[in-house]
């Protein structure tokens, strides 16, 4: 836990923290379709053979 700072309302801190977590979860959810493409690029960068059918081949 962080140190108590004068003038900060713990309820507002929790609400803002939950909103931040919600934004992070939403961004992760939106980025899921890019997963296979990222794996293909990383495999190519590492020099591993790309499986047939990957990356629109």
C-alpha atoms as a PDB file:
ATOM      1  CA  UNK A   1       0.000   0.000   0.000  1.00  0.00           C
ATOM      2  CA  UNK A   2       1.084   3.558  -0.558  1.00  0.00           C
ATOM      3  CA  UNK A   3       1.586   6.146   2.139  1.00  0.00           C
ATOM      4  CA  UNK A   4      -1.363   8.267   3.149  1.00  0.00           C
ATOM      5  CA  UNK A   5      -1.197  11.724   1.640  1.00  0.00           C
ATOM      6  CA  UNK A   6      -3.213  14.527   3.154  1.00  0.00           C
ATOM      7  CA  UNK A   7      -6.213  15.659   1.124  1.00  0.00           C
ATOM      8  CA  UNK A   8      -6.739  12.399  -0.792  1.00  0.00           C
ATOM      9  CA  UNK A   9     -10.066  10.661  -0.513  1.00  0.00           C
ATOM     10  CA  UNK A  10      -9.634   6.854  -0.443  1.00  0.00           C
ATOM     11  CA  UNK A  11     -13.015   6.299  -2.119  1.00  0.00           C
ATOM     12  CA  UNK A  12     -12.070   8.466  -5.096  1.00  0.00           C
ATOM     13  CA  UNK A  13      -8.693   6.703  -5.269  1.00  0.00           C
ATOM     14  CA  UNK A  14     -10.418   3.317  -5.496  1.00  0.00           C
ATOM     15  CA  UNK A  15     -12.844   4.550  -8.164  1.00  0.00           C
ATOM     16  CA  UNK A  16     -10.019   5.970 -10.280  1.00  0.00           C
ATOM     17  CA  UNK A  17      -7.971   2.811  -9.779  1.00  0.00           C
ATOM     18  CA  UNK A  18     -10.856   0.640 -10.948  1.00  0.00           C
ATOM     19  CA  UNK A  19     -11.364   2.879 -13.979  1.00  0.00           C
ATOM     20  CA  UNK A  20      -7.679   2.505 -14.851  1.00  0.00           C
ATOM     21  CA  UNK A  21      -7.911  -1.270 -14.571  1.00  0.00           C
ATOM     22  CA  UNK A  22     -11.003  -1.170 -16.797  1.00  0.00           C
ATOM     23  CA  UNK A  23      -9.157   0.821 -19.460  1.00  0.00           C
ATOM     24  CA  UNK A  24      -6.229  -1.620 -19.398  1.00  0.00           C
ATOM     25  CA  UNK A  25      -8.570  -4.622 -19.719  1.00  0.00           C
ATOM     26  CA  UNK A  26     -10.412  -2.947 -22.620  1.00  0.00           C
ATOM     27  CA  UNK A  27      -7.136  -2.252 -24.438  1.00  0.00           C
ATOM     28  CA  UNK A  28      -6.013  -5.859 -23.963  1.00  0.00           C
ATOM     29  CA  UNK A  29      -9.365  -7.078 -25.268  1.00  0.00           C
ATOM     30  CA  UNK A  30      -9.055  -4.885 -28.362  1.00  0.00           C
ATOM     31  CA  UNK A  31      -5.505  -6.086 -29.013  1.00  0.00           C
ATOM     32  CA  UNK A  32      -6.364  -9.813 -28.989  1.00  0.00           C
ATOM     33  CA  UNK A  33      -6.892 -10.076 -32.787  1.00  0.00           C
ATOM     34  CA  UNK A  34      -3.298  -8.901 -33.338  1.00  0.00           C
ATOM     35  CA  UNK A  35      -1.887 -11.872 -31.398  1.00  0.00           C
ATOM     36  CA  UNK A  36      -1.295 -14.299 -34.289  1.00  0.00           C
ATOM     37  CA  UNK A  37       0.352 -11.575 -36.382  1.00  0.00           C
ATOM     38  CA  UNK A  38       2.668 -10.613 -33.546  1.00  0.00           C
ATOM     39  CA  UNK A  39       3.664 -14.246 -33.048  1.00  0.00           C
ATOM     40  CA  UNK A  40       4.420 -14.563 -36.770  1.00  0.00           C
ATOM     41  CA  UNK A  41       6.581 -11.436 -36.763  1.00  0.00           C
ATOM     42  CA  UNK A  42       8.469 -12.584 -33.661  1.00  0.00           C
ATOM     43  CA  UNK A  43       9.062 -16.017 -35.177  1.00  0.00           C
ATOM     44  CA  UNK A  44      10.389 -14.375 -38.339  1.00  0.00           C
ATOM     45  CA  UNK A  45      12.680 -12.090 -36.335  1.00  0.00           C
ATOM     46  CA  UNK A  46      14.054 -15.063 -34.386  1.00  0.00           C
ATOM     47  CA  UNK A  47      14.760 -16.947 -37.596  1.00  0.00           C
ATOM     48  CA  UNK A  48      12.325 -19.761 -36.968  1.00  0.00           C
ATOM     49  CA  UNK A  49      10.575 -21.223 -39.999  1.00  0.00           C
ATOM     50  CA  UNK A  50       7.099 -19.787 -40.464  1.00  0.00           C
ATOM     51  CA  UNK A  51       4.464 -22.543 -40.602  1.00  0.00           C
ATOM     52  CA  UNK A  52       2.548 -22.841 -43.897  1.00  0.00           C
ATOM     53  CA  UNK A  53      -0.632 -20.800 -43.963  1.00  0.00           C
ATOM     54  CA  UNK A  54       0.647 -18.220 -41.492  1.00  0.00           C
ATOM     55  CA  UNK A  55       0.679 -14.547 -42.421  1.00  0.00           C
ATOM     56  CA  UNK A  56      -1.583 -15.023 -45.442  1.00  0.00           C
ATOM     57  CA  UNK A  57       0.756 -17.300 -47.405  1.00  0.00           C
END
